[in-house]
């Protein structure tokens, strides 16, 4: 006996609803300052390991990310921040724009790499570096610099490029590291009286351009437009793999670095999905992916890429993240007054 058509339609409807629920994904909106080629690799793993999430990652430069969050403060459009400079993030803790959250395996991350109250958790560190175009250096018979002071050589006039610290996290860490390295008394005097400004004024005479992006100085140098790009170590490894005639110098005075961290946004529209993502984002599998690009990651026992020196052999600058974060706006104001063109 044939079943009534209405019964069959009802069963089809039930099955459709069931299947719809089975494949439905939770949306999570993430702002990130990680580089695009990193994001592609990381998300491939995240999508595999988090099949129930629809991860919408929006890439912004360090400065743009902060500006966008401020613009959306009364109506957040983002759930989590992923891989953002700690010196930026600390100010958003003070503005009550982040929600404490200690992801799964949070205890695995050493205390120096996380906020004690769980407002942020660092995943990696990226380091400042000079990217050298070997062909340009040879063609123009230029010396290869060992550190910042060497860049004052008049032979480099208009052949240098570095990021604008107001928009680039890499640019900020370079300036912030010099303020600490070049003035041991930096904590006891106003920012504008720091000894490093006199050095930077001399360096400015050789500077061809200040640019918005932290990676662009390396990329434009690799393309032959400049001899030396003040950028960061990871970009060098990417360019070298692509066959560009580049080499890398880690400044002998000390290598400035920044921590990149994750956080839950206060007022997130999808907090449950955001927490799932943040759990994954400090997992060992995620950290192993980060380690393919960055000088170091915060999960113990994971080595960085073979193309970069082991982190324990690098002369890291004595970065003072609390001081740099507290004085961030003043540092940018002084820099802009001196060098913004």
Protein backbone atom coordinates (compact mmCIF):
# COMPACT_ATOMS: atom_id res chain seq x y z
CA UNK A 1 0.00 0.00 0.00
CA UNK A 2 1.45 3.38 -1.00
CA UNK A 3 2.16 5.84 1.76
CA UNK A 4 0.27 9.13 1.48
CA UNK A 5 2.17 11.88 -0.32
CA UNK A 6 1.77 14.18 2.71
CA UNK A 7 3.56 11.59 4.88
CA UNK A 8 6.47 11.34 2.46
CA UNK A 9 6.78 15.12 2.29
CA UNK A 10 6.80 15.30 6.07
CA UNK A 11 9.60 12.73 6.29
CA UNK A 12 11.60 14.62 3.66
CA UNK A 13 11.19 17.82 5.64
CA UNK A 14 12.37 16.16 8.85
CA UNK A 15 15.41 14.68 7.12
CA UNK A 16 16.26 18.05 5.57
CA UNK A 17 16.09 19.77 8.95
CA UNK A 18 18.23 17.06 10.53
CA UNK A 19 20.88 17.26 7.83
CA UNK A 20 20.79 21.04 7.98
CA UNK A 21 21.59 20.93 11.68
CA UNK A 22 24.27 18.32 11.12
CA UNK A 23 26.21 20.50 8.69
CA UNK A 24 25.46 23.88 10.29
CA UNK A 25 28.57 25.74 11.41
CA UNK A 26 29.08 28.32 14.12
CA UNK A 27 30.43 31.61 12.81
CA UNK A 28 33.44 33.24 14.44
CA UNK A 29 34.83 36.56 13.24
CA UNK A 30 38.54 37.07 13.84
CA UNK A 31 40.70 40.14 13.29
CA UNK A 32 44.38 39.38 12.75
CA UNK A 33 47.62 41.20 11.98
CA UNK A 34 49.38 38.01 10.87
CA UNK A 35 50.76 38.02 7.33
CA UNK A 36 48.50 36.77 4.55
CA UNK A 37 50.67 33.82 3.54
CA UNK A 38 50.79 32.71 7.18
CA UNK A 39 47.03 33.01 7.57
CA UNK A 40 46.37 30.76 4.57
CA UNK A 41 48.48 27.96 6.06
CA UNK A 42 47.12 28.36 9.58
CA UNK A 43 43.48 28.43 8.47
CA UNK A 44 43.93 25.29 6.41
CA UNK A 45 44.77 23.46 9.63
CA UNK A 46 42.11 25.29 11.66
CA UNK A 47 39.36 24.39 9.18
CA UNK A 48 40.47 20.76 9.29
CA UNK A 49 40.56 20.59 13.08
CA UNK A 50 37.53 22.81 13.72
CA UNK A 51 34.97 21.52 11.19
CA UNK A 52 32.08 22.96 13.22
CA UNK A 53 33.36 26.54 12.88
CA UNK A 54 33.01 28.97 10.00
CA UNK A 55 36.11 31.07 10.61
CA UNK A 56 35.96 34.48 8.99
CA UNK A 57 39.44 35.95 9.38
CA UNK A 58 39.95 39.60 8.43
CA UNK A 59 43.57 40.67 7.97
CA UNK A 60 44.49 44.21 9.02
CA UNK A 61 47.79 45.93 9.71
CA UNK A 62 48.63 46.42 13.37
CA UNK A 63 47.49 50.05 13.43
CA UNK A 64 44.40 49.44 11.31
CA UNK A 65 43.28 46.62 13.58
CA UNK A 66 43.32 48.88 16.63
CA UNK A 67 41.58 51.70 14.78
CA UNK A 68 38.83 49.38 13.60
CA UNK A 69 38.22 48.02 17.07
CA UNK A 70 37.98 51.53 18.47
CA UNK A 71 35.54 52.55 15.74
CA UNK A 72 33.36 49.52 16.61
CA UNK A 73 33.72 49.88 20.36
CA UNK A 74 30.02 50.46 21.05
CA UNK A 75 29.01 47.68 18.64
CA UNK A 76 31.79 45.10 18.23
CA UNK A 77 31.84 43.28 14.90
CA UNK A 78 34.63 40.93 15.92
CA UNK A 79 34.74 38.00 18.33
CA UNK A 80 38.45 37.34 18.79
CA UNK A 81 41.82 38.90 18.01
CA UNK A 82 44.50 36.56 16.68
CA UNK A 83 48.21 37.35 16.41
CA UNK A 84 48.20 41.03 17.40
CA UNK A 85 51.12 42.89 18.96
CA UNK A 86 51.05 42.82 22.76
CA UNK A 87 52.13 46.46 22.98
CA UNK A 88 48.91 47.32 21.14
CA UNK A 89 46.73 44.84 22.98
CA UNK A 90 47.71 46.03 26.46
CA UNK A 91 46.03 49.38 25.86
CA UNK A 92 42.76 47.64 24.98
CA UNK A 93 42.88 45.78 28.29
CA UNK A 94 43.05 49.17 30.01
CA UNK A 95 40.09 50.39 27.94
CA UNK A 96 38.01 47.38 29.07
CA UNK A 97 37.59 46.13 25.50
CA UNK A 98 38.85 42.58 26.07
CA UNK A 99 37.32 39.74 28.08
CA UNK A 100 39.49 37.48 30.28
CA UNK A 101 39.68 33.95 28.92
CA UNK A 102 42.20 31.22 29.66
CA UNK A 103 42.06 28.78 26.74
CA UNK A 104 42.50 25.04 27.04
CA UNK A 105 46.16 24.25 27.82
CA UNK A 106 46.72 27.84 28.94
CA UNK A 107 48.89 26.46 31.75
CA UNK A 108 51.34 25.14 29.15
CA UNK A 109 52.27 28.69 28.14
CA UNK A 110 55.03 30.22 30.31
CA UNK A 111 53.91 33.14 32.47
CA UNK A 112 56.12 35.66 30.64
CA UNK A 113 54.06 35.03 27.50
CA UNK A 114 50.57 35.68 28.88
CA UNK A 115 48.54 38.11 30.92
CA UNK A 116 48.17 36.72 34.46
CA UNK A 117 44.42 37.39 34.37
CA UNK A 118 43.92 35.80 30.97
CA UNK A 119 43.27 38.96 28.96
CA UNK A 120 45.76 37.83 26.29
CA UNK A 121 47.93 34.84 25.47
CA UNK A 122 50.97 35.17 23.19
CA UNK A 123 51.57 32.61 20.47
CA UNK A 124 54.88 33.70 18.98
CA UNK A 125 57.47 36.39 18.70
CA UNK A 126 58.67 38.07 15.54
CA UNK A 127 62.00 39.82 15.33
CA UNK A 128 63.29 42.87 13.51
CA UNK A 129 65.87 42.21 10.81
CA UNK A 130 67.57 43.92 7.89
CA UNK A 131 66.81 42.30 4.54
CA UNK A 132 69.67 42.93 2.13
CA UNK A 133 69.46 42.81 -1.67
CA UNK A 134 72.77 41.13 -2.47
CA UNK A 135 72.73 42.20 -6.13
CA UNK A 136 72.12 45.87 -5.34
CA UNK A 137 74.80 45.83 -2.65
CA UNK A 138 77.31 44.31 -5.07
CA UNK A 139 76.37 46.51 -8.03
CA UNK A 140 76.71 49.71 -6.01
CA UNK A 141 79.74 48.45 -4.08
CA UNK A 142 78.05 49.04 -0.73
CA UNK A 143 79.22 47.55 2.57
CA UNK A 144 77.01 45.00 4.31
CA UNK A 145 75.86 46.49 7.64
CA UNK A 146 76.24 44.65 10.93
CA UNK A 147 73.81 46.80 12.87
CA UNK A 148 71.86 50.02 13.18
CA UNK A 149 74.87 52.28 13.58
CA UNK A 150 76.30 51.10 10.27
CA UNK A 151 73.20 52.40 8.50
CA UNK A 152 74.39 55.97 9.15
CA UNK A 153 76.99 55.52 6.42
CA UNK A 154 76.33 58.24 3.77
CA UNK A 155 76.76 55.57 1.09
CA UNK A 156 73.27 54.33 1.97
CA UNK A 157 71.54 57.66 1.24
CA UNK A 158 68.06 57.00 -0.21
CA UNK A 159 68.80 53.27 -0.30
CA UNK A 160 67.04 52.40 2.98
CA UNK A 161 63.38 51.75 3.65
CA UNK A 162 61.57 51.04 6.93
CA UNK A 163 57.99 50.85 8.24
CA UNK A 164 56.03 53.73 9.69
CA UNK A 165 55.58 52.81 13.38
CA UNK A 166 52.17 54.47 13.51
CA UNK A 167 50.68 51.83 11.21
CA UNK A 168 53.11 48.93 11.47
CA UNK A 169 53.82 46.76 14.49
CA UNK A 170 57.22 45.97 13.01
CA UNK A 171 57.97 49.67 12.67
CA UNK A 172 56.96 50.27 16.27
CA UNK A 173 59.09 47.45 17.67
CA UNK A 174 62.11 48.79 15.77
CA UNK A 175 61.71 52.27 17.25
CA UNK A 176 60.77 50.94 20.70
CA UNK A 177 63.82 48.69 20.81
CA UNK A 178 66.14 51.58 19.91
CA UNK A 179 64.65 53.75 22.67
CA UNK A 180 65.63 51.06 25.19
CA UNK A 181 68.97 50.05 23.65
CA UNK A 182 70.33 53.56 23.10
CA UNK A 183 69.28 55.13 26.38
CA UNK A 184 69.85 53.11 29.56
CA UNK A 185 68.10 55.89 31.47
CA UNK A 186 64.94 55.71 29.32
CA UNK A 187 62.61 55.14 32.27
CA UNK A 188 63.74 58.24 34.13
CA UNK A 189 63.22 60.88 31.49
CA UNK A 190 60.43 62.09 29.18
CA UNK A 191 60.11 60.09 25.95
CA UNK A 192 60.98 63.12 23.84
CA UNK A 193 64.37 63.41 25.59
CA UNK A 194 65.46 59.86 24.78
CA UNK A 195 68.94 59.61 23.24
CA UNK A 196 67.67 57.47 20.37
CA UNK A 197 65.92 60.39 18.68
CA UNK A 198 69.26 61.96 17.77
CA UNK A 199 70.33 58.67 16.19
CA UNK A 200 67.04 58.43 14.28
CA UNK A 201 67.45 61.99 12.95
CA UNK A 202 70.81 60.97 11.49
CA UNK A 203 69.30 57.77 10.09
CA UNK A 204 66.50 59.79 8.49
CA UNK A 205 69.03 61.44 6.17
CA UNK A 206 69.60 58.06 4.50
CA UNK A 207 65.98 56.91 4.52
CA UNK A 208 64.37 56.59 1.11
CA UNK A 209 60.87 55.97 2.42
CA UNK A 210 58.76 55.16 5.46
CA UNK A 211 56.00 52.79 4.46
CA UNK A 212 52.78 51.55 6.02
CA UNK A 213 53.54 47.81 6.04
CA UNK A 214 56.11 45.88 8.04
CA UNK A 215 56.74 43.38 5.25
CA UNK A 216 56.84 45.84 2.33
CA UNK A 217 60.37 47.13 3.08
CA UNK A 218 61.69 43.61 2.61
CA UNK A 219 59.58 42.97 -0.49
CA UNK A 220 60.55 46.24 -2.19
CA UNK A 221 64.19 45.58 -1.33
CA UNK A 222 63.93 42.09 -2.81
CA UNK A 223 62.53 43.65 -5.99
CA UNK A 224 65.64 45.83 -6.25
CA UNK A 225 64.06 49.17 -5.37
CA UNK A 226 66.22 49.55 -2.24
CA UNK A 227 69.47 48.09 -0.96
CA UNK A 228 68.31 47.46 2.62
CA UNK A 229 64.84 47.00 4.04
CA UNK A 230 64.32 47.28 7.80
CA UNK A 231 61.70 44.59 8.20
CA UNK A 232 61.40 41.33 10.14
CA UNK A 233 62.98 37.91 9.99
CA UNK A 234 60.05 35.87 8.73
CA UNK A 235 59.68 37.89 5.51
CA UNK A 236 63.29 37.13 4.67
CA UNK A 237 62.67 33.37 4.84
CA UNK A 238 59.65 33.71 2.55
CA UNK A 239 61.55 35.78 -0.02
CA UNK A 240 64.57 33.50 0.07
CA UNK A 241 62.39 30.47 -0.64
CA UNK A 242 60.99 32.27 -3.67
CA UNK A 243 64.48 32.76 -5.09
CA UNK A 244 65.05 36.46 -4.48
CA UNK A 245 68.72 37.54 -4.08
CA UNK A 246 68.41 38.44 -0.41
CA UNK A 247 70.31 37.86 2.80
CA UNK A 248 69.48 38.77 6.38
CA UNK A 249 71.27 40.72 9.10
CA UNK A 250 70.19 40.69 12.72
CA UNK A 251 71.35 44.02 14.25
CA UNK A 252 74.37 43.52 16.48
CA UNK A 253 73.15 46.14 18.98
CA UNK A 254 70.23 43.87 19.84
CA UNK A 255 67.31 42.41 17.94
CA UNK A 256 64.02 44.10 18.68
CA UNK A 257 61.06 41.76 18.91
CA UNK A 258 57.36 41.72 19.62
CA UNK A 259 54.98 39.16 21.01
CA UNK A 260 51.88 38.34 18.97
CA UNK A 261 48.89 37.38 21.08
CA UNK A 262 45.26 36.31 21.01
CA UNK A 263 42.30 37.63 23.00
CA UNK A 264 38.54 37.38 23.41
CA UNK A 265 36.74 40.62 22.55
CA UNK A 266 34.33 42.00 25.11
CA UNK A 267 30.81 42.00 23.69
CA UNK A 268 31.62 39.29 21.14
CA UNK A 269 28.52 38.14 19.25
CA UNK A 270 29.75 34.57 19.05
CA UNK A 271 31.58 33.98 22.36
CA UNK A 272 31.21 30.19 22.37
CA UNK A 273 32.68 29.84 18.88
CA UNK A 274 35.36 32.42 19.74
CA UNK A 275 36.48 30.34 22.74
CA UNK A 276 36.67 27.21 20.60
CA UNK A 277 38.87 29.08 18.15
CA UNK A 278 41.08 30.51 20.92
CA UNK A 279 41.48 27.01 22.39
CA UNK A 280 42.73 25.78 19.03
CA UNK A 281 44.93 28.85 18.50
CA UNK A 282 47.28 27.91 21.37
CA UNK A 283 47.19 24.16 20.72
CA UNK A 284 50.41 22.28 20.00
CA UNK A 285 49.34 21.62 16.41
CA UNK A 286 48.70 25.33 15.80
CA UNK A 287 52.01 26.26 17.43
CA UNK A 288 53.86 23.83 15.16
CA UNK A 289 52.41 25.68 12.19
CA UNK A 290 53.41 29.08 13.61
CA UNK A 291 56.94 27.73 14.13
CA UNK A 292 57.34 27.26 10.37
CA UNK A 293 57.30 31.04 10.02
CA UNK A 294 58.36 32.72 13.27
CA UNK A 295 61.64 32.97 15.12
CA UNK A 296 60.04 31.42 18.17
CA UNK A 297 56.71 30.24 19.57
CA UNK A 298 55.47 30.26 23.15
CA UNK A 299 54.64 26.56 23.41
CA UNK A 300 57.68 24.88 25.04
CA UNK A 301 59.84 22.52 23.04
CA UNK A 302 58.92 23.64 19.51
CA UNK A 303 61.84 24.85 17.36
CA UNK A 304 61.59 27.63 14.80
CA UNK A 305 62.27 27.31 11.04
CA UNK A 306 65.60 25.93 9.87
CA UNK A 307 66.19 29.05 7.76
CA UNK A 308 66.41 31.19 10.92
CA UNK A 309 68.96 30.90 13.73
CA UNK A 310 67.85 29.13 16.93
CA UNK A 311 66.24 31.69 19.20
CA UNK A 312 68.66 30.95 22.03
CA UNK A 313 71.55 32.12 19.83
CA UNK A 314 69.97 35.50 18.96
CA UNK A 315 70.98 38.66 20.83
CA UNK A 316 67.47 39.79 21.66
CA UNK A 317 67.06 43.41 22.72
CA UNK A 318 65.94 44.04 26.32
CA UNK A 319 62.37 44.93 25.31
CA UNK A 320 60.29 46.60 28.03
CA UNK A 321 56.75 45.80 26.91
CA UNK A 322 54.93 47.50 29.84
CA UNK A 323 56.88 50.74 29.35
CA UNK A 324 56.55 50.62 25.57
CA UNK A 325 52.82 49.99 25.79
CA UNK A 326 52.25 52.72 28.38
CA UNK A 327 54.21 55.24 26.31
CA UNK A 328 53.06 54.06 22.90
CA UNK A 329 51.06 57.16 21.98
CA UNK A 330 53.82 59.50 23.10
CA UNK A 331 56.44 57.52 21.18
CA UNK A 332 54.35 57.74 18.02
CA UNK A 333 53.67 61.45 18.57
CA UNK A 334 57.37 62.25 18.91
CA UNK A 335 58.27 60.07 15.91
CA UNK A 336 55.57 61.69 13.75
CA UNK A 337 56.67 65.21 14.72
CA UNK A 338 60.22 64.42 13.64
CA UNK A 339 59.77 62.22 10.60
CA UNK A 340 56.26 62.19 9.14
CA UNK A 341 56.50 63.49 5.61
